[in-house]
N, C-alpha and C. Protein backbone atom coordinates (compact mmCIF):
# COMPACT_ATOMS: atom_id res chain seq x y z
N MET A 1 0.68 -1.39 -0.10
CA MET A 1 0.13 0.18 0.07
C MET A 1 0.83 1.25 -0.07
N LYS A 2 2.03 1.08 0.95
CA LYS A 2 2.67 2.32 0.96
C LYS A 2 3.80 2.76 -0.37
N HIS A 3 3.54 1.80 -1.27
CA HIS A 3 4.44 1.81 -2.60
C HIS A 3 3.43 2.16 -3.64
N LEU A 4 2.32 1.90 -3.00
CA LEU A 4 1.16 2.49 -4.30
C LEU A 4 0.88 3.95 -4.05
N ILE A 5 0.87 4.50 -2.71
CA ILE A 5 0.60 5.82 -2.64
C ILE A 5 1.85 6.54 -3.06
N ILE A 6 2.98 6.04 -2.78
CA ILE A 6 4.36 6.81 -3.10
C ILE A 6 4.46 6.92 -4.79
N PHE A 7 3.92 5.90 -5.48
CA PHE A 7 3.47 5.88 -7.03
C PHE A 7 3.00 6.91 -7.51
N PHE A 8 1.86 6.97 -6.71
CA PHE A 8 0.55 7.96 -7.08
C PHE A 8 1.45 9.39 -6.82
N LEU A 9 2.04 9.63 -5.86
CA LEU A 9 2.46 11.08 -5.76
C LEU A 9 3.48 11.34 -6.71
N LEU A 10 4.22 10.33 -6.99
CA LEU A 10 5.18 10.71 -8.17
C LEU A 10 4.78 11.04 -9.42
N ILE A 11 3.52 10.20 -9.96
CA ILE A 11 3.05 10.44 -11.01
C ILE A 11 2.55 11.96 -11.27
N SER A 12 1.61 12.31 -9.97
CA SER A 12 1.27 13.53 -9.75
C SER A 12 2.52 14.76 -9.92
N ASN A 13 3.41 14.34 -9.22
CA ASN A 13 4.61 15.53 -9.67
C ASN A 13 4.90 15.65 -10.80
N PHE A 14 5.18 14.37 -11.78
CA PHE A 14 5.52 14.38 -13.15
C PHE A 14 4.61 15.15 -13.79
N THR A 15 3.38 14.96 -13.56
CA THR A 15 1.96 15.60 -14.33
C THR A 15 2.39 17.33 -14.01
N LEU A 16 2.42 17.53 -12.76
CA LEU A 16 2.52 19.24 -12.50
C LEU A 16 3.76 19.87 -13.47
N SER A 17 5.03 19.08 -13.54
CA SER A 17 6.13 19.37 -13.97
C SER A 17 6.06 19.58 -15.20
N ALA A 18 5.47 18.80 -15.84
CA ALA A 18 5.11 18.64 -17.44
C ALA A 18 4.19 20.13 -17.72
N GLN A 19 3.17 20.13 -16.96
CA GLN A 19 2.36 21.29 -17.24
C GLN A 19 2.85 22.36 -17.22
N SER A 20 4.02 22.88 -16.02
CA SER A 20 4.67 23.87 -16.04
C SER A 20 5.58 24.05 -17.16
N ASN A 21 6.68 23.25 -17.45
CA ASN A 21 7.40 23.39 -18.59
C ASN A 21 6.31 23.76 -19.75
N GLN A 22 5.21 23.35 -20.03
CA GLN A 22 4.67 23.60 -21.29
C GLN A 22 4.19 24.98 -21.40
N ILE A 23 3.77 25.72 -19.96
CA ILE A 23 3.45 27.03 -20.05
C ILE A 23 4.43 28.12 -19.56
N SER A 24 5.54 27.57 -18.96
CA SER A 24 6.95 28.62 -18.88
C SER A 24 7.36 29.11 -20.47
N GLY A 25 7.72 30.08 -20.50
CA GLY A 25 8.36 30.58 -21.94
C GLY A 25 7.95 32.15 -22.09
N ASP A 26 8.36 32.62 -23.16
CA ASP A 26 7.91 34.24 -23.43
C ASP A 26 6.73 34.22 -23.81
N TYR A 27 5.94 35.22 -23.81
CA TYR A 27 4.55 35.64 -24.54
C TYR A 27 4.92 37.14 -24.79
N SER A 28 4.11 37.57 -25.68
CA SER A 28 4.25 38.89 -26.38
C SER A 28 2.89 39.30 -26.92
N ARG A 29 2.79 40.63 -26.92
CA ARG A 29 1.69 41.23 -27.41
C ARG A 29 1.73 42.75 -27.99
N THR A 30 1.65 42.97 -29.30
CA THR A 30 1.78 44.41 -29.90
C THR A 30 0.56 44.66 -30.53
N LEU A 31 0.15 46.27 -29.94
CA LEU A 31 -1.20 46.62 -30.72
C LEU A 31 -0.47 47.74 -31.06
N SER A 32 -0.94 47.93 -32.43
CA SER A 32 -0.31 49.41 -32.97
C SER A 32 -1.65 50.05 -34.20
N ASP A 33 -1.48 51.16 -34.22
CA ASP A 33 -2.18 51.74 -35.20
C ASP A 33 -1.28 52.88 -36.26
N GLY A 34 -0.25 52.28 -36.95
CA GLY A 34 0.69 53.44 -37.65
C GLY A 34 1.47 53.93 -36.66
N GLU A 35 1.49 55.38 -36.93
CA GLU A 35 2.14 56.21 -36.13
C GLU A 35 1.36 56.80 -34.70
N LYS A 36 0.03 56.43 -34.87
CA LYS A 36 -0.98 57.00 -33.75
C LYS A 36 -0.45 56.64 -32.42
N TYR A 37 -0.06 55.24 -32.55
CA TYR A 37 0.24 54.21 -30.86
C TYR A 37 0.72 53.09 -31.26
N ILE A 38 1.61 52.82 -30.18
CA ILE A 38 2.12 51.61 -30.09
C ILE A 38 1.92 51.00 -28.64
N ILE A 39 1.66 49.79 -28.36
CA ILE A 39 1.70 49.25 -27.15
C ILE A 39 2.41 47.83 -27.09
N GLU A 40 3.18 47.69 -26.27
CA GLU A 40 3.77 46.24 -26.54
C GLU A 40 3.84 45.66 -25.15
N TYR A 41 3.26 44.36 -24.66
CA TYR A 41 3.30 43.70 -23.54
C TYR A 41 4.14 42.52 -23.82
N LYS A 42 5.41 42.30 -22.99
CA LYS A 42 6.17 41.14 -22.99
C LYS A 42 6.24 40.61 -21.42
N LEU A 43 5.84 39.28 -21.31
CA LEU A 43 6.15 38.44 -20.23
C LEU A 43 6.58 37.31 -20.28
N THR A 44 7.81 36.87 -19.50
CA THR A 44 8.35 35.92 -19.51
C THR A 44 7.99 35.05 -18.06
N LEU A 45 7.66 33.63 -18.15
CA LEU A 45 7.32 32.96 -16.99
C LEU A 45 8.24 31.98 -17.09
N ASN A 46 9.27 32.15 -16.14
CA ASN A 46 10.61 30.94 -16.02
C ASN A 46 9.99 29.64 -15.13
N GLN A 47 10.66 28.61 -15.36
CA GLN A 47 10.75 27.30 -14.98
C GLN A 47 10.61 27.33 -13.51
N ASP A 48 11.47 27.97 -13.06
CA ASP A 48 11.62 28.25 -11.62
C ASP A 48 10.39 28.98 -10.59
N GLY A 49 9.43 29.43 -11.41
CA GLY A 49 7.99 29.70 -10.89
C GLY A 49 8.11 31.42 -10.57
N THR A 50 9.23 32.14 -11.17
CA THR A 50 9.11 33.50 -11.26
C THR A 50 8.86 34.12 -12.52
N PHE A 51 8.22 35.38 -12.48
CA PHE A 51 7.98 36.00 -14.05
C PHE A 51 8.62 37.42 -13.85
N VAL A 52 8.79 37.74 -15.04
CA VAL A 52 8.85 39.40 -15.56
C VAL A 52 8.06 39.94 -16.64
N PHE A 53 7.87 41.33 -16.27
CA PHE A 53 6.58 41.84 -17.19
C PHE A 53 7.09 43.07 -17.60
N HIS A 54 7.08 43.52 -18.74
CA HIS A 54 7.63 44.90 -19.15
C HIS A 54 6.35 45.36 -20.25
N SER A 55 5.80 46.42 -20.05
CA SER A 55 4.75 47.12 -20.84
C SER A 55 5.39 48.53 -21.20
N TYR A 56 5.46 48.42 -22.83
CA TYR A 56 5.98 49.63 -23.26
C TYR A 56 4.72 50.66 -24.52
N SER A 57 4.53 51.89 -24.17
CA SER A 57 3.56 52.58 -24.81
C SER A 57 4.44 53.76 -25.27
N LYS A 58 3.58 53.97 -26.60
CA LYS A 58 4.21 55.02 -26.98
C LYS A 58 2.92 56.09 -28.08
N LEU A 59 2.15 56.97 -27.18
CA LEU A 59 1.15 57.26 -27.77
C LEU A 59 1.40 58.73 -28.53
N GLN A 60 0.73 59.16 -29.62
CA GLN A 60 1.00 60.49 -30.38
C GLN A 60 0.34 61.57 -29.61
N GLY A 61 0.63 62.51 -28.95
CA GLY A 61 -0.15 63.46 -28.08
C GLY A 61 -0.31 62.97 -26.95
N GLY A 62 0.64 61.75 -26.06
CA GLY A 62 0.38 61.33 -24.77
C GLY A 62 1.30 61.98 -24.19
N VAL A 63 0.97 62.08 -22.81
CA VAL A 63 1.70 62.79 -21.53
C VAL A 63 2.02 61.78 -20.65
N PRO A 64 3.25 61.36 -20.73
CA PRO A 64 4.45 61.37 -21.45
C PRO A 64 4.19 60.53 -22.79
N PRO A 65 4.95 60.88 -23.64
CA PRO A 65 4.69 60.37 -24.97
C PRO A 65 4.89 58.67 -25.08
N GLU A 66 6.18 58.49 -24.37
CA GLU A 66 6.45 56.93 -24.23
C GLU A 66 6.76 56.83 -22.62
N THR A 67 6.19 55.24 -22.35
CA THR A 67 6.25 54.99 -21.11
C THR A 67 6.76 53.57 -20.96
N ASN A 68 7.52 53.21 -20.05
CA ASN A 68 7.79 51.74 -19.93
C ASN A 68 7.34 51.74 -18.30
N GLN A 69 6.91 50.46 -18.22
CA GLN A 69 6.31 49.82 -16.56
C GLN A 69 6.75 48.27 -16.62
N TYR A 70 7.15 47.97 -15.34
CA TYR A 70 7.82 46.66 -15.28
C TYR A 70 7.16 46.10 -13.87
N GLY A 71 7.02 44.51 -14.10
CA GLY A 71 6.68 44.31 -12.76
C GLY A 71 7.52 42.85 -12.63
N LYS A 72 7.40 42.24 -11.44
CA LYS A 72 7.96 40.78 -11.37
C LYS A 72 7.62 40.40 -10.16
N GLY A 73 7.55 38.80 -10.00
CA GLY A 73 7.03 38.23 -8.89
C GLY A 73 7.18 36.66 -9.31
N LYS A 74 6.45 35.87 -8.67
CA LYS A 74 6.04 34.50 -8.55
C LYS A 74 4.51 34.09 -9.40
N TRP A 75 4.61 33.00 -10.03
CA TRP A 75 3.55 32.10 -10.47
C TRP A 75 3.42 30.84 -10.12
N SER A 76 2.19 30.47 -10.21
CA SER A 76 1.95 29.10 -10.04
C SER A 76 0.68 28.66 -10.57
N VAL A 77 0.64 27.57 -11.24
CA VAL A 77 -0.59 26.90 -11.85
C VAL A 77 -1.23 25.77 -11.30
N LYS A 78 -2.43 25.64 -11.65
CA LYS A 78 -3.28 24.71 -11.10
C LYS A 78 -4.54 24.66 -12.18
N ASP A 79 -4.66 23.44 -12.81
CA ASP A 79 -5.72 23.19 -13.70
C ASP A 79 -6.08 24.40 -14.68
N ASN A 80 -4.71 24.84 -15.29
CA ASN A 80 -4.64 25.56 -16.49
C ASN A 80 -4.75 26.99 -16.02
N LEU A 81 -4.80 27.24 -14.63
CA LEU A 81 -5.43 28.74 -14.21
C LEU A 81 -3.91 28.82 -13.35
N ILE A 82 -3.47 30.11 -14.19
CA ILE A 82 -2.13 30.61 -13.40
C ILE A 82 -2.59 31.73 -12.60
N THR A 83 -1.75 31.74 -11.28
CA THR A 83 -1.91 32.74 -10.37
C THR A 83 -0.51 33.56 -10.29
N PHE A 84 -0.77 34.85 -10.34
CA PHE A 84 0.63 35.59 -10.09
C PHE A 84 0.49 36.42 -8.64
N SER A 85 1.66 36.34 -7.95
CA SER A 85 1.96 37.10 -6.95
C SER A 85 3.11 37.65 -6.70
N ALA A 86 3.36 38.73 -6.20
CA ALA A 86 4.37 39.64 -5.57
C ALA A 86 4.52 39.99 -4.40
N ASN A 87 5.82 39.79 -3.78
CA ASN A 87 6.04 39.76 -2.71
C ASN A 87 6.61 41.50 -2.57
N LYS A 88 5.89 42.57 -1.59
CA LYS A 88 6.11 44.13 -1.32
C LYS A 88 7.57 44.27 -1.24
N ASN A 89 8.46 43.26 -0.35
CA ASN A 89 9.81 43.61 0.29
C ASN A 89 10.55 43.33 -0.85
N GLU A 90 10.40 42.29 -1.77
CA GLU A 90 11.37 41.43 -2.68
C GLU A 90 11.43 42.06 -4.07
N ASP A 91 9.86 42.17 -4.73
CA ASP A 91 9.61 42.29 -5.80
C ASP A 91 9.40 43.73 -6.49
N PHE A 92 9.49 44.75 -5.36
CA PHE A 92 8.92 45.89 -5.66
C PHE A 92 10.29 47.05 -5.60
N ASP A 93 10.61 47.51 -6.57
CA ASP A 93 11.60 48.89 -6.56
C ASP A 93 11.35 49.74 -7.54
N ALA A 94 12.35 50.67 -7.28
CA ALA A 94 12.22 52.15 -8.32
C ALA A 94 11.58 51.63 -9.91
N LYS A 95 12.20 50.43 -10.26
CA LYS A 95 11.81 50.09 -11.59
C LYS A 95 10.50 49.30 -11.58
N ASN A 96 10.60 48.11 -10.57
CA ASN A 96 9.53 47.49 -10.58
C ASN A 96 8.25 47.77 -10.06
N THR A 97 7.25 48.61 -10.36
CA THR A 97 6.23 48.95 -9.88
C THR A 97 4.73 48.48 -9.94
N LEU A 98 4.48 47.47 -11.23
CA LEU A 98 3.43 46.78 -11.22
C LEU A 98 3.19 45.96 -10.22
N ASP A 99 1.82 45.95 -9.34
CA ASP A 99 1.59 44.94 -8.57
C ASP A 99 0.38 43.83 -9.12
N PHE A 100 1.29 42.64 -9.49
CA PHE A 100 0.42 41.59 -10.09
C PHE A 100 -0.32 40.76 -8.96
N ASN A 101 -0.39 41.11 -7.63
CA ASN A 101 -0.98 40.17 -6.78
C ASN A 101 -2.53 40.26 -7.11
N ASN A 102 -3.19 39.27 -6.90
CA ASN A 102 -4.58 38.85 -7.41
C ASN A 102 -4.70 38.76 -8.69
N SER A 103 -3.87 38.51 -9.19
CA SER A 103 -3.75 38.43 -11.09
C SER A 103 -3.76 36.91 -11.52
N LYS A 104 -4.75 36.78 -12.23
CA LYS A 104 -5.00 35.25 -12.68
C LYS A 104 -5.48 35.35 -14.13
N ALA A 105 -4.64 34.33 -14.69
CA ALA A 105 -5.01 34.22 -16.43
C ALA A 105 -5.10 32.68 -16.62
N ARG A 106 -5.69 32.24 -17.65
CA ARG A 106 -6.20 31.22 -18.28
C ARG A 106 -4.95 30.96 -19.00
N PHE A 107 -4.64 29.39 -19.24
CA PHE A 107 -3.53 29.17 -20.16
C PHE A 107 -4.56 28.46 -21.40
N VAL A 108 -4.36 29.10 -22.28
CA VAL A 108 -5.16 28.31 -23.48
C VAL A 108 -4.23 27.88 -24.69
N THR A 109 -4.48 26.60 -25.24
CA THR A 109 -3.93 25.94 -26.15
C THR A 109 -4.86 25.09 -26.92
N LYS A 110 -4.37 24.33 -28.10
CA LYS A 110 -5.06 23.42 -28.68
C LYS A 110 -5.01 22.07 -27.89
N ASN A 111 -6.12 21.44 -27.61
CA ASN A 111 -6.63 20.28 -26.96
C ASN A 111 -5.79 19.24 -27.97
N PRO A 112 -4.97 18.22 -27.21
CA PRO A 112 -4.03 17.47 -27.76
C PRO A 112 -5.20 16.56 -28.26
N ARG A 113 -6.38 16.19 -28.22
CA ARG A 113 -7.37 15.04 -28.57
C ARG A 113 -8.09 15.61 -29.86
N ASP A 114 -7.76 17.22 -30.08
CA ASP A 114 -7.94 17.82 -31.16
C ASP A 114 -7.42 17.67 -32.55
N LYS A 115 -7.83 16.54 -33.32
CA LYS A 115 -6.76 16.48 -34.75
C LYS A 115 -7.68 17.17 -35.71
N SER A 116 -8.16 18.36 -35.51
CA SER A 116 -8.77 19.08 -36.89
C SER A 116 -7.61 20.15 -37.44
N ASP A 117 -7.57 20.48 -38.44
CA ASP A 117 -6.91 21.58 -38.88
C ASP A 117 -6.95 23.10 -38.01
N LYS A 118 -7.99 23.16 -37.16
CA LYS A 118 -8.43 24.57 -36.70
C LYS A 118 -6.77 24.85 -35.99
N VAL A 119 -6.18 26.06 -36.09
CA VAL A 119 -5.27 26.69 -35.67
C VAL A 119 -5.63 27.38 -34.25
N VAL A 120 -5.00 27.11 -32.88
CA VAL A 120 -5.21 27.72 -31.85
C VAL A 120 -4.04 27.82 -31.57
N LYS A 121 -3.71 29.63 -31.17
CA LYS A 121 -2.70 30.11 -31.13
C LYS A 121 -2.50 30.23 -29.19
N THR A 122 -1.40 29.73 -28.75
CA THR A 122 -0.81 29.26 -27.45
C THR A 122 -0.79 30.57 -26.62
N LYS A 123 -1.69 31.00 -25.66
CA LYS A 123 -1.97 32.37 -25.16
C LYS A 123 -2.29 31.92 -23.87
N LEU A 124 -1.92 33.30 -22.90
CA LEU A 124 -2.54 33.51 -21.63
C LEU A 124 -3.64 34.64 -21.81
N GLN A 125 -4.52 34.13 -21.15
CA GLN A 125 -5.66 35.19 -21.35
C GLN A 125 -6.35 35.94 -19.38
N PHE A 126 -5.65 36.90 -19.52
CA PHE A 126 -5.89 37.43 -18.03
C PHE A 126 -7.79 37.54 -17.79
N LEU A 127 -7.75 37.04 -16.70
CA LEU A 127 -9.30 37.13 -16.22
C LEU A 127 -9.29 38.23 -15.24
N GLU A 128 -8.45 38.26 -14.22
CA GLU A 128 -8.54 39.16 -12.95
C GLU A 128 -7.26 39.90 -12.94
N SER A 129 -7.35 41.00 -12.61
CA SER A 129 -6.06 42.14 -12.19
C SER A 129 -6.28 43.22 -11.53
N GLU A 130 -5.93 43.69 -10.60
CA GLU A 130 -5.95 44.69 -9.88
C GLU A 130 -5.33 46.11 -10.98
N ILE A 131 -4.37 45.62 -11.99
CA ILE A 131 -4.34 46.26 -12.88
C ILE A 131 -5.11 46.44 -14.01
N PHE A 132 -5.70 47.66 -13.97
CA PHE A 132 -7.03 47.76 -14.76
C PHE A 132 -6.85 47.48 -16.01
N TRP A 133 -5.77 47.89 -16.89
CA TRP A 133 -5.80 47.55 -18.47
C TRP A 133 -5.22 46.30 -18.65
N MET A 134 -4.97 45.30 -17.53
CA MET A 134 -4.55 44.14 -17.84
C MET A 134 -5.78 43.11 -18.19
N LYS A 135 -7.04 43.29 -17.67
CA LYS A 135 -8.24 42.31 -17.68
C LYS A 135 -8.33 42.18 -19.00
N ARG A 136 -8.74 40.93 -19.44
CA ARG A 136 -9.04 40.67 -20.75
C ARG A 136 -8.18 40.73 -21.48
N ILE A 137 -6.82 40.86 -21.10
CA ILE A 137 -5.71 41.15 -22.30
C ILE A 137 -5.25 39.57 -22.63
N ASP A 138 -5.27 39.35 -23.88
CA ASP A 138 -4.40 38.11 -24.40
C ASP A 138 -2.97 38.39 -24.85
N ILE A 139 -1.98 37.41 -24.25
CA ILE A 139 -0.76 37.64 -24.54
C ILE A 139 -0.21 36.02 -25.20
N PHE A 140 0.21 36.47 -26.17
CA PHE A 140 0.49 34.92 -27.12
C PHE A 140 1.74 34.57 -26.94
N LYS A 141 2.06 33.19 -26.83
CA LYS A 141 3.41 32.48 -26.51
C LYS A 141 4.25 32.82 -27.67
N ILE A 142 5.48 33.11 -27.55
CA ILE A 142 5.95 33.34 -28.99
C ILE A 142 6.80 31.70 -29.06
C-alpha cells in the first residue's frame, strides 16, 4: 500500500512538472495603429516559478509620449489557471512598480485530442487583475 501511494505521488509530481514546462516561456502582444500609437506587452514565465513583465507604450500626443512599466514576482499553476503574486519587500523597487497580486490568467492551447486543422495560438488570457488595463488581455506565446 505504501508503494502504491508513493507511486501516485510521483506520477502527480511529474504531471505538474510537465504542465509547468509547457506553460513557461516568453509571451508577447503588440497593438498599434501606424504612427498614432504602439503598445507592447512582454511576459516571461520562468521554470523556477518567477516571472518578469514589461509594458511599453508610445502614444501620439500622450503625456508623457513614451512609458515603460515593469513588474516581477512569482507564478503558480493549477488546472490551467495561473495565479500571479508579488512580495512587497522583494519584488518592488524603483523600476518594478506593477502589482500583480490577485492577478489570474488562463492558459489556452489546442487540445491534444483535437485532430482538426483548426489553428489555436497558445496564449495567456488574463481574467482578473488589479492592474485595470490587464483584464481581458491576451498575450501569445512566442
